[in-house]
Amino acid sequence: MDKSTPLLLETIKIEDGKIFNLDYHQKRCDISRLKLFHAKDSLKLSSFIHAPKKGLYRCRIVYSKQIHSIEYNPYTPKPITTLKIVPSTIEYAFKYAKRDVFDNLLNQHLDVDEIIIEKDGYITDTSIANIALYDGTKWETPSRPLLLGTMRAKLIDDGFLYPNDIKKENLSKYIQVALMNAMLGFKVLTDISIRDTKGNIYDY
């Protein structure tokens, strides 16, 4: 394989033998391979996954034109109580296996559990998940995410989530915050604080 060929990643939740949201992972895999490698065939992920029968696992599929590796790792969620809004010009339109850009940002802000990336003046994602905010009536999610996450896509299709342009200056209008990714599902955060670079603090 050419060293310049990017490796992509799908992280899929498996619990007691059940594979979650496989259709959405398959769709993203197909679109990514078509756009990056002009691959018009489909890697049938279901034919490669051998789901453990008991327990909660993070199925990690690394691929390009072909499957490169599949791992099944027991999953424990990361506790999050403090977040910081961090401006960045990061690009992450595809779910790359290499995550140096996020690791570098996180290492610059070790005083908090997680970062919320602000790009071009708008809230995007955290380093591990898409984000949603509740205004008392509906859940909104940034319409300009870094990555089009599979759980985000499902919840928008289900009519549960509504994309909207969100700036940090609007955070005070929201009363709850949630993170979503393949493993977390949709997780409402409680007793958390978000602060920005100006020292403003938002408690939820």
Protein backbone atom coordinates (compact mmCIF):
# COMPACT_ATOMS: atom_id res chain seq x y z
CA MET A 1 0.00 0.00 0.00
CA ASP A 2 1.18 3.52 -0.82
CA LYS A 3 2.22 5.25 2.39
CA SER A 4 0.28 8.33 1.31
CA THR A 5 -2.98 6.37 1.22
CA PRO A 6 -5.09 7.45 4.20
CA LEU A 7 -6.53 4.78 6.45
CA LEU A 8 -10.15 5.22 7.45
CA LEU A 9 -11.99 4.04 10.53
CA GLU A 10 -15.43 2.83 11.46
CA THR A 11 -16.17 2.37 15.15
CA ILE A 12 -19.21 0.16 15.64
CA LYS A 13 -21.04 -0.67 18.85
CA ILE A 14 -21.60 -4.33 19.63
CA GLU A 15 -23.52 -5.36 22.74
CA ASP A 16 -24.34 -8.97 23.58
CA GLY A 17 -23.90 -9.95 19.95
CA LYS A 18 -26.04 -7.11 18.54
CA ILE A 19 -24.43 -4.80 15.96
CA PHE A 20 -25.77 -1.23 16.14
CA ASN A 21 -26.53 1.15 13.26
CA LEU A 22 -24.70 -0.98 10.71
CA ASP A 23 -26.61 0.55 7.77
CA TYR A 24 -25.27 4.03 8.64
CA HIS A 25 -21.70 2.76 9.03
CA GLN A 26 -21.99 0.94 5.71
CA LYS A 27 -23.24 4.07 3.97
CA ARG A 28 -20.38 6.19 5.33
CA CYS A 29 -17.84 3.52 4.39
CA ASP A 30 -19.19 3.37 0.83
CA ILE A 31 -19.23 7.16 0.42
CA SER A 32 -15.72 7.58 1.87
CA ARG A 33 -14.22 4.89 -0.37
CA LEU A 34 -15.91 6.36 -3.43
CA LYS A 35 -14.75 9.92 -2.73
CA LEU A 36 -11.20 9.11 -1.63
CA PHE A 37 -10.35 6.04 -3.70
CA HIS A 38 -12.96 6.08 -6.51
CA ALA A 39 -14.00 2.63 -5.34
CA LYS A 40 -17.45 1.84 -6.70
CA ASP A 41 -17.75 -1.56 -5.08
CA SER A 42 -18.96 -1.99 -1.51
CA LEU A 43 -17.11 -3.59 1.38
CA LYS A 44 -19.89 -5.56 3.03
CA LEU A 45 -19.02 -4.85 6.65
CA SER A 46 -21.47 -7.45 7.94
CA SER A 47 -19.45 -10.20 6.27
CA PHE A 48 -16.28 -9.18 8.14
CA ILE A 49 -17.73 -8.66 11.63
CA HIS A 50 -17.86 -11.60 14.02
CA ALA A 51 -19.69 -10.11 16.98
CA PRO A 52 -18.76 -11.27 20.49
CA LYS A 53 -21.84 -12.86 22.06
CA LYS A 54 -21.53 -11.30 25.53
CA GLY A 55 -20.49 -7.85 26.71
CA LEU A 56 -20.13 -4.33 25.30
CA TYR A 57 -17.47 -3.95 22.63
CA ARG A 58 -16.02 -1.26 20.40
CA CYS A 59 -15.54 -2.85 17.00
CA ARG A 60 -12.74 -0.94 15.29
CA ILE A 61 -12.54 -1.44 11.52
CA VAL A 62 -9.57 0.12 9.71
CA TYR A 63 -9.90 0.23 5.95
CA SER A 64 -9.02 1.94 2.68
CA LYS A 65 -9.96 0.16 -0.54
CA GLN A 66 -9.77 -3.04 1.49
CA ILE A 67 -10.23 -3.99 5.14
CA HIS A 68 -6.89 -3.67 6.93
CA SER A 69 -7.81 -4.76 10.46
CA ILE A 70 -10.71 -5.46 12.79
CA GLU A 71 -10.44 -5.31 16.57
CA TYR A 72 -12.98 -5.91 19.32
CA ASN A 73 -12.18 -3.92 22.44
CA PRO A 74 -14.21 -3.88 25.68
CA TYR A 75 -15.71 -0.42 26.05
CA THR A 76 -15.82 1.91 29.05
CA PRO A 77 -17.02 5.48 28.47
CA LYS A 78 -14.75 8.38 29.35
CA PRO A 79 -16.11 10.50 32.25
CA ILE A 80 -16.67 14.12 31.20
CA THR A 81 -17.47 17.01 33.53
CA THR A 82 -15.40 19.90 32.17
CA LEU A 83 -15.21 21.13 28.58
CA LYS A 84 -13.53 24.06 26.86
CA ILE A 85 -14.36 25.77 23.58
CA VAL A 86 -11.20 25.84 21.49
CA PRO A 87 -10.87 27.64 18.13
CA SER A 88 -9.23 25.63 15.35
CA THR A 89 -9.00 25.34 11.58
CA ILE A 90 -9.01 21.54 11.77
CA GLU A 91 -10.31 19.50 8.81
CA TYR A 92 -11.86 16.09 9.48
CA ALA A 93 -14.48 15.49 6.79
CA PHE A 94 -13.61 11.78 6.72
CA LYS A 95 -13.21 9.50 9.74
CA TYR A 96 -9.49 8.89 9.51
CA ALA A 97 -7.81 6.27 11.68
CA LYS A 98 -5.03 8.78 12.40
CA ARG A 99 -6.23 11.29 14.97
CA ASP A 100 -3.09 13.38 15.60
CA VAL A 101 -4.97 16.63 15.02
CA PHE A 102 -7.31 15.88 17.93
CA ASP A 103 -4.58 14.51 20.18
CA ASN A 104 -2.51 17.64 19.67
CA LEU A 105 -5.46 19.88 20.56
CA LEU A 106 -6.31 17.84 23.64
CA ASN A 107 -2.71 17.90 24.84
CA GLN A 108 -2.83 21.70 24.79
CA HIS A 109 -5.82 21.71 27.14
CA LEU A 110 -5.13 19.10 29.79
CA ASP A 111 -7.00 21.20 32.38
CA VAL A 112 -10.34 19.91 31.03
CA ASP A 113 -11.81 16.51 30.21
CA GLU A 114 -12.87 17.37 26.67
CA ILE A 115 -12.78 20.17 24.12
CA ILE A 116 -15.48 21.65 21.89
CA ILE A 117 -13.97 22.78 18.61
CA GLU A 118 -14.99 26.17 17.26
CA LYS A 119 -14.36 26.71 13.56
CA ASP A 120 -15.05 29.87 11.57
CA GLY A 121 -16.97 31.20 14.57
CA TYR A 122 -19.29 28.20 14.87
CA ILE A 123 -19.50 25.28 17.30
CA THR A 124 -18.68 21.97 15.59
CA ASP A 125 -17.84 18.78 17.53
CA THR A 126 -15.88 17.55 20.51
CA SER A 127 -12.77 15.46 19.86
CA ILE A 128 -14.74 12.23 20.28
CA ALA A 129 -18.34 13.01 19.44
CA ASN A 130 -20.91 15.18 17.78
CA ILE A 131 -22.71 17.52 20.16
CA ALA A 132 -26.36 18.47 20.73
CA LEU A 133 -27.98 21.21 22.81
CA TYR A 134 -31.54 21.43 24.17
CA ASP A 135 -33.33 24.78 24.14
CA GLY A 136 -36.31 23.63 26.22
CA THR A 137 -38.31 22.60 23.17
CA LYS A 138 -36.03 20.66 20.85
CA TRP A 139 -32.54 19.23 20.53
CA GLU A 140 -30.32 21.07 18.08
CA THR A 141 -26.98 19.99 16.64
CA PRO A 142 -24.41 22.11 14.81
CA SER A 143 -25.18 22.23 11.11
CA ARG A 144 -21.42 22.56 10.44
CA PRO A 145 -19.91 19.49 12.15
CA LEU A 146 -16.36 18.40 11.49
CA LEU A 147 -17.59 14.86 10.88
CA LEU A 148 -20.97 13.59 9.76
CA GLY A 149 -21.39 11.04 12.54
CA THR A 150 -23.54 7.95 12.14
CA MET A 151 -25.58 8.48 15.32
CA ARG A 152 -26.10 12.13 14.40
CA ALA A 153 -27.36 11.07 10.95
CA LYS A 154 -29.76 8.52 12.44
CA LEU A 155 -31.23 10.97 14.96
CA ILE A 156 -31.72 13.63 12.27
CA ASP A 157 -33.44 11.04 10.04
CA ASP A 158 -35.62 10.04 13.02
CA GLY A 159 -36.74 13.66 13.45
CA PHE A 160 -35.23 13.89 16.93
CA LEU A 161 -32.36 16.28 16.09
CA TYR A 162 -32.50 19.58 14.24
CA PRO A 163 -29.35 21.02 12.60
CA ASN A 164 -28.73 24.70 13.29
CA ASP A 165 -25.83 27.15 13.14
CA ILE A 166 -24.65 27.51 16.75
CA LYS A 167 -22.19 30.08 18.08
CA LYS A 168 -20.69 30.10 21.56
CA GLU A 169 -22.49 33.38 22.17
CA ASN A 170 -25.77 31.43 21.94
CA LEU A 171 -24.90 28.84 24.59
CA SER A 172 -26.82 30.64 27.33
CA LYS A 173 -30.13 29.88 25.58
CA TYR A 174 -29.63 26.12 25.98
CA ILE A 175 -30.43 24.16 29.14
CA GLN A 176 -28.92 20.73 28.39
CA VAL A 177 -25.95 19.32 26.50
CA ALA A 178 -25.53 15.86 25.00
CA LEU A 179 -22.79 13.99 23.18
CA MET A 180 -23.41 11.36 20.54
CA ASN A 181 -21.31 8.84 18.75
CA ALA A 182 -21.51 5.18 17.83
CA MET A 183 -20.55 4.00 21.31
CA LEU A 184 -22.24 6.61 23.51
CA GLY A 185 -25.47 6.61 21.57
CA PHE A 186 -27.11 9.84 22.71
CA LYS A 187 -25.78 10.73 26.15
CA VAL A 188 -27.07 13.75 28.08
CA LEU A 189 -24.29 15.23 30.22
CA THR A 190 -25.15 16.30 33.77
CA ASP A 191 -23.30 18.53 36.23
CA ILE A 192 -20.90 19.82 33.61
CA SER A 193 -19.30 23.16 32.89
CA ILE A 194 -18.23 24.63 29.55
CA ARG A 195 -15.85 27.53 29.38
CA ASP A 196 -14.58 29.56 26.47
CA THR A 197 -11.32 31.33 25.77
CA LYS A 198 -12.67 34.57 27.26
CA GLY A 199 -13.30 32.93 30.63
CA ASN A 200 -17.07 32.71 30.32
CA ILE A 201 -18.48 29.63 32.07
CA TYR A 202 -21.72 27.84 31.20
CA ASP A 203 -23.02 25.31 33.73
CA TYR A 204 -25.47 22.54 32.86
